[in-house]
Amino acid sequence: MINGESGTGKELVARVLHDYGKRRHGTFVAINMAAIPRELIESELFGHEKGAFTGAQTRTPGRFEQAEGGTLFLDEIGDMPLEAQTRLLRVLQQGEYTTVGGRTPIKTNVRIIAATHRDLKSQIQQGLFREDLFYRLNVIPIAVPPLRERLEDVPVLTASFLARAAAKLGRPAPEISAEALASLLAYPWPGNVRELENLMERLVVLVPRERIEASDLPEALSGGTLPAPGKPVEESLEALERARILDVLQACGGNKKLAAARLGIHRSTLYAKLDRYRR
């Protein structure tokens, strides 16, 4: 059982456990309990037979079958409905399951790794999580501390995220000044590693220089909070990138070679982005 705040890297920990374990030659299958409609969870986990419900036109394997011999990662286990918790407990106890609409028990050989940002003991007291399932899953607990409690990771994570974001744009990774890094180390990071990654992507788009200074950082780093991480930030990054590229191209009088040089990207990268903007 991996426990930690959102954005701390719980799935990454699960993947490392798989990649360095005896099941590394098997499949790693991840499923987010919070992202699946309540009525579809059992079908997702255990699969369904043809005709099991309206729209079930073929037999479909579930995540347990897909992960056979490997690892099944149940993310946000605290959001699993009670009825699905009961079925999961039965599988863990008996080592077998049946598909939705099926009758024949299927033996399973899967290692389970679960993760949550919730306090499951509190949920047990509220009647929202089964105590017997908790003890079945919590055999080896792993706590992933928030980024604010492991600030020594900030410099190496920052360098890695800058390099990754720059590679997407086809340009060298920028450096970060000591003053800017000091500001990053002083920030509490409510969104944890995911928030830091999104910020580095944003800076690579908005600061087309070889060095990021403290003045390039958002004002929120000296107080307040940054926008919440996730899809909206990714979409805004794409919009900011598009706006900057088009502004530079206009300033260069439409000269793509000159615009690519000013942006610090390859001309082929610029052509590819312009083609995407026209779609």
Protein backbone atom coordinates (compact mmCIF):
# COMPACT_ATOMS: atom_id res chain seq x y z
CA MET A 1 0.00 0.00 0.00
CA ILE A 2 1.47 3.32 -1.13
CA ASN A 3 0.19 6.39 0.68
CA GLY A 4 0.93 10.01 -0.18
CA GLU A 5 -0.53 13.32 -1.30
CA SER A 6 -1.61 13.85 -4.91
CA GLY A 7 1.31 14.53 -7.19
CA THR A 8 4.00 12.88 -5.06
CA GLY A 9 4.73 10.11 -7.58
CA LYS A 10 2.90 7.09 -6.17
CA GLU A 11 2.50 5.43 -9.58
CA LEU A 12 6.21 5.92 -10.26
CA VAL A 13 6.98 4.09 -7.00
CA ALA A 14 4.65 1.28 -8.08
CA ARG A 15 6.39 0.99 -11.45
CA VAL A 16 9.80 0.82 -9.78
CA LEU A 17 8.57 -1.96 -7.49
CA HIS A 18 7.43 -3.84 -10.59
CA ASP A 19 10.51 -3.16 -12.75
CA TYR A 20 12.95 -4.29 -10.06
CA GLY A 21 10.90 -7.21 -8.75
CA LYS A 22 10.51 -10.86 -9.70
CA ARG A 23 7.48 -10.01 -11.85
CA ARG A 24 9.34 -7.51 -14.05
CA HIS A 25 8.90 -9.76 -17.09
CA GLY A 26 5.14 -9.67 -16.59
CA THR A 27 2.77 -6.84 -17.45
CA PHE A 28 2.29 -3.73 -15.31
CA VAL A 29 -1.37 -2.68 -15.47
CA ALA A 30 -2.57 0.53 -13.80
CA ILE A 31 -6.17 1.47 -13.11
CA ASN A 32 -7.46 4.62 -11.40
CA MET A 33 -10.46 3.82 -9.23
CA ALA A 34 -11.52 7.49 -9.09
CA ALA A 35 -11.75 7.74 -12.88
CA ILE A 36 -14.14 4.82 -13.48
CA PRO A 37 -17.93 5.13 -13.16
CA ARG A 38 -19.24 3.09 -10.22
CA GLU A 39 -21.31 0.79 -12.44
CA LEU A 40 -18.33 -0.14 -14.63
CA ILE A 41 -15.69 -0.91 -11.98
CA GLU A 42 -16.37 -4.67 -11.75
CA SER A 43 -16.33 -5.01 -15.53
CA GLU A 44 -13.04 -3.08 -15.70
CA LEU A 45 -11.42 -5.24 -13.04
CA PHE A 46 -12.77 -8.67 -13.90
CA GLY A 47 -13.93 -8.37 -17.51
CA HIS A 48 -17.31 -9.38 -18.92
CA GLU A 49 -18.86 -11.98 -21.16
CA LYS A 50 -20.70 -11.34 -24.40
CA GLY A 51 -24.27 -10.29 -23.62
CA ALA A 52 -23.56 -9.66 -19.93
CA PHE A 53 -25.18 -6.24 -20.26
CA THR A 54 -26.47 -3.89 -22.92
CA GLY A 55 -23.62 -3.08 -25.31
CA ALA A 56 -21.47 -6.07 -24.35
CA GLN A 57 -21.09 -7.40 -27.88
CA THR A 58 -17.92 -9.42 -27.27
CA ARG A 59 -16.08 -10.99 -24.37
CA THR A 60 -13.70 -8.42 -22.89
CA PRO A 61 -10.86 -9.28 -20.51
CA GLY A 62 -10.53 -7.26 -17.31
CA ARG A 63 -7.46 -5.77 -15.69
CA PHE A 64 -6.84 -8.87 -13.59
CA GLU A 65 -6.60 -10.99 -16.72
CA GLN A 66 -4.39 -8.40 -18.46
CA ALA A 67 -2.01 -8.34 -15.48
CA GLU A 68 -1.77 -12.12 -15.10
CA GLY A 69 1.74 -13.01 -13.97
CA GLY A 70 2.55 -9.34 -13.44
CA THR A 71 1.44 -6.39 -11.33
CA LEU A 72 -1.96 -4.73 -11.01
CA PHE A 73 -1.73 -1.18 -9.66
CA LEU A 74 -4.97 0.03 -8.07
CA ASP A 75 -4.57 3.79 -7.83
CA GLU A 76 -6.87 5.85 -5.56
CA ILE A 77 -8.14 2.69 -3.86
CA GLY A 78 -9.88 4.92 -1.31
CA ASP A 79 -12.41 5.89 -3.99
CA MET A 80 -13.50 2.32 -4.67
CA PRO A 81 -17.21 1.71 -3.89
CA LEU A 82 -18.00 -0.68 -1.05
CA GLU A 83 -19.61 -3.29 -3.29
CA ALA A 84 -16.47 -3.46 -5.46
CA GLN A 85 -14.33 -3.63 -2.30
CA THR A 86 -16.23 -6.77 -1.31
CA ARG A 87 -15.47 -8.47 -4.64
CA LEU A 88 -11.82 -7.44 -4.50
CA LEU A 89 -11.49 -8.86 -0.98
CA ARG A 90 -12.97 -12.16 -2.15
CA VAL A 91 -10.41 -12.35 -4.97
CA LEU A 92 -7.54 -11.68 -2.58
CA GLN A 93 -8.79 -14.34 -0.17
CA GLN A 94 -9.68 -17.05 -2.69
CA GLY A 95 -7.22 -16.31 -5.51
CA GLU A 96 -9.94 -16.50 -8.15
CA TYR A 97 -12.73 -14.43 -9.70
CA THR A 98 -15.55 -14.64 -12.21
CA THR A 99 -16.19 -12.25 -15.07
CA VAL A 100 -19.36 -10.18 -15.16
CA GLY A 101 -21.94 -12.53 -16.67
CA GLY A 102 -19.61 -15.51 -16.27
CA ARG A 103 -19.99 -18.64 -14.14
CA THR A 104 -16.62 -20.37 -14.27
CA PRO A 105 -14.09 -19.23 -11.64
CA ILE A 106 -10.78 -18.03 -13.07
CA LYS A 107 -7.57 -18.56 -11.09
CA THR A 108 -5.42 -15.47 -10.79
CA ASN A 109 -1.72 -14.93 -10.15
CA VAL A 110 -1.32 -11.17 -9.82
CA ARG A 111 0.67 -9.01 -7.40
CA ILE A 112 -1.47 -6.13 -6.12
CA ILE A 113 -0.08 -2.67 -5.39
CA ALA A 114 -2.61 -0.13 -4.14
CA ALA A 115 -2.24 3.60 -3.58
CA THR A 116 -4.27 6.40 -2.06
CA HIS A 117 -4.01 10.00 -0.90
CA ARG A 118 -6.82 9.43 1.61
CA ASP A 119 -6.66 8.49 5.28
CA LEU A 120 -8.10 4.98 5.01
CA LYS A 121 -8.29 4.48 8.79
CA SER A 122 -10.54 7.53 8.97
CA GLN A 123 -12.62 6.15 6.09
CA ILE A 124 -12.96 2.84 7.94
CA GLN A 125 -14.39 4.68 10.95
CA GLN A 126 -16.87 6.43 8.64
CA GLY A 127 -17.93 3.13 7.09
CA LEU A 128 -16.51 4.05 3.68
CA PHE A 129 -13.74 1.45 3.49
CA ARG A 130 -13.67 -2.19 4.60
CA GLU A 131 -11.32 -2.80 7.50
CA ASP A 132 -10.61 -6.40 6.41
CA LEU A 133 -9.66 -5.21 2.90
CA PHE A 134 -7.40 -2.54 4.40
CA TYR A 135 -5.37 -5.13 6.31
CA ARG A 136 -5.23 -7.38 3.24
CA LEU A 137 -3.72 -4.53 1.19
CA ASN A 138 -1.62 -2.87 3.87
CA VAL A 139 0.84 -5.76 4.29
CA ILE A 140 3.84 -3.62 3.33
CA PRO A 141 2.99 0.09 3.73
CA ILE A 142 5.05 2.68 1.85
CA ALA A 143 4.69 6.38 2.68
CA VAL A 144 5.71 8.83 -0.06
CA PRO A 145 6.50 12.17 1.61
CA PRO A 146 5.34 15.45 0.06
CA LEU A 147 7.91 17.46 -1.90
CA ARG A 148 8.12 20.13 0.83
CA GLU A 149 9.53 17.44 3.14
CA ARG A 150 12.22 16.31 0.68
CA LEU A 151 13.52 19.59 -0.74
CA GLU A 152 16.84 17.92 -1.57
CA ASP A 153 14.99 16.38 -4.54
CA VAL A 154 14.00 19.77 -6.01
CA PRO A 155 17.32 20.55 -7.83
CA VAL A 156 17.59 17.17 -9.56
CA LEU A 157 13.88 17.08 -10.42
CA THR A 158 14.07 20.62 -11.79
CA ALA A 159 17.00 19.75 -14.05
CA SER A 160 15.27 16.59 -15.27
CA PHE A 161 11.97 18.33 -16.04
CA LEU A 162 13.70 21.22 -17.83
CA ALA A 163 15.61 18.76 -20.02
CA ARG A 164 12.47 16.77 -20.82
CA ALA A 165 10.41 19.86 -21.69
CA ALA A 166 13.20 21.34 -23.83
CA ALA A 167 13.60 18.07 -25.74
CA LYS A 168 9.92 18.25 -26.73
CA LEU A 169 10.62 21.63 -28.32
CA GLY A 170 13.83 20.43 -29.98
CA ARG A 171 16.09 22.81 -28.07
CA PRO A 172 18.84 22.57 -25.41
CA ALA A 173 17.74 22.52 -21.78
CA PRO A 174 18.11 25.90 -20.04
CA GLU A 175 20.04 26.32 -16.80
CA ILE A 176 18.45 27.71 -13.67
CA SER A 177 20.12 30.42 -11.62
CA ALA A 178 21.03 30.01 -7.96
CA GLU A 179 18.51 32.74 -7.04
CA ALA A 180 15.71 31.01 -8.96
CA LEU A 181 16.58 27.67 -7.37
CA ALA A 182 16.51 29.30 -3.93
CA SER A 183 12.95 30.49 -4.65
CA LEU A 184 11.95 26.96 -5.68
CA LEU A 185 13.38 25.59 -2.44
CA ALA A 186 11.44 28.15 -0.38
CA TYR A 187 8.07 27.29 -1.97
CA PRO A 188 5.78 24.74 -0.16
CA TRP A 189 4.66 22.91 -3.37
CA PRO A 190 1.03 22.08 -2.54
CA GLY A 191 0.82 20.21 -5.87
CA ASN A 192 4.07 18.34 -5.16
CA VAL A 193 6.21 16.89 -7.98
CA ARG A 194 3.44 17.26 -10.56
CA GLU A 195 3.23 20.99 -9.85
CA LEU A 196 7.01 21.38 -10.21
CA GLU A 197 6.96 19.50 -13.53
CA ASN A 198 4.18 21.71 -14.92
CA LEU A 199 6.04 24.85 -13.86
CA MET A 200 9.23 23.74 -15.61
CA GLU A 201 7.28 23.03 -18.81
CA ARG A 202 5.75 26.50 -18.62
CA LEU A 203 9.13 28.18 -18.11
CA VAL A 204 10.70 26.38 -21.07
CA VAL A 205 7.89 27.70 -23.27
CA LEU A 206 7.89 31.25 -21.94
CA VAL A 207 11.62 31.83 -21.37
CA PRO A 208 13.52 31.21 -24.65
CA ARG A 209 16.90 31.87 -23.04
CA GLU A 210 19.74 29.66 -21.89
CA ARG A 211 19.23 30.62 -18.25
CA ILE A 212 16.11 30.97 -16.10
CA GLU A 213 16.32 33.78 -13.56
CA ALA A 214 14.34 34.38 -10.39
CA SER A 215 12.49 37.19 -12.17
CA ASP A 216 11.12 34.63 -14.65
CA LEU A 217 9.29 32.73 -11.90
CA PRO A 218 5.58 33.36 -11.15
CA GLU A 219 4.79 35.78 -8.33
CA ALA A 220 3.07 32.90 -6.57
CA LEU A 221 6.48 31.49 -5.67
CA SER A 222 6.91 34.32 -3.19
CA GLY A 223 3.45 33.76 -1.68
CA GLY A 224 0.14 32.16 -2.61
CA THR A 225 -0.38 29.14 -4.83
CA LEU A 226 0.18 28.20 -8.43
CA PRO A 227 -2.68 27.02 -10.65
CA ALA A 228 -3.80 23.49 -9.85
CA PRO A 229 -1.90 20.86 -11.92
CA GLY A 230 -3.57 18.68 -14.52
CA LYS A 231 -5.11 18.95 -17.96
CA PRO A 232 -6.09 22.65 -17.77
CA VAL A 233 -2.43 23.59 -17.20
CA GLU A 234 -1.31 21.43 -20.11
CA GLU A 235 -3.88 23.07 -22.35
CA SER A 236 -2.81 26.55 -21.25
CA LEU A 237 0.82 25.66 -21.93
CA GLU A 238 -0.07 24.70 -25.48
CA ALA A 239 -1.99 27.97 -25.92
CA LEU A 240 0.94 30.00 -24.54
CA GLU A 241 3.39 28.21 -26.83
CA ARG A 242 1.18 28.86 -29.85
CA ALA A 243 0.74 32.54 -28.99
CA ARG A 244 4.49 33.06 -28.51
CA ILE A 245 5.46 31.31 -31.75
CA LEU A 246 2.94 33.30 -33.77
CA ASP A 247 4.04 36.57 -32.12
CA VAL A 248 7.71 35.92 -32.92
CA LEU A 249 6.83 34.89 -36.48
CA GLN A 250 4.89 38.13 -36.95
CA ALA A 251 7.76 40.17 -35.50
CA CYS A 252 10.08 38.50 -38.00
CA GLY A 253 7.84 39.45 -40.90
CA GLY A 254 6.92 35.82 -41.58
CA ASN A 255 10.55 34.76 -41.98
CA LYS A 256 10.45 31.22 -40.58
CA LYS A 257 14.22 30.77 -40.52
CA LEU A 258 14.68 33.92 -38.46
CA ALA A 259 11.73 33.09 -36.19
CA ALA A 260 13.10 29.60 -35.48
CA ALA A 261 16.47 31.11 -34.57
CA ARG A 262 14.87 33.61 -32.18
CA LEU A 263 12.76 30.88 -30.58
CA GLY A 264 15.78 28.63 -30.17
CA ILE A 265 14.20 25.70 -32.01
CA HIS A 266 14.96 23.84 -35.24
CA ARG A 267 13.22 25.08 -38.38
CA SER A 268 11.64 21.65 -38.91
CA THR A 269 10.15 21.86 -35.41
CA LEU A 270 8.66 25.26 -36.22
CA TYR A 271 7.14 23.96 -39.49
CA ALA A 272 5.60 20.99 -37.64
CA LYS A 273 4.03 23.26 -35.02
CA LEU A 274 2.67 25.68 -37.61
CA ASP A 275 1.12 22.76 -39.50
CA ARG A 276 -0.59 21.63 -36.28
CA TYR A 277 -1.96 25.12 -35.63
CA ARG A 278 -3.62 25.16 -39.07
CA ARG A 279 -5.61 21.97 -38.35
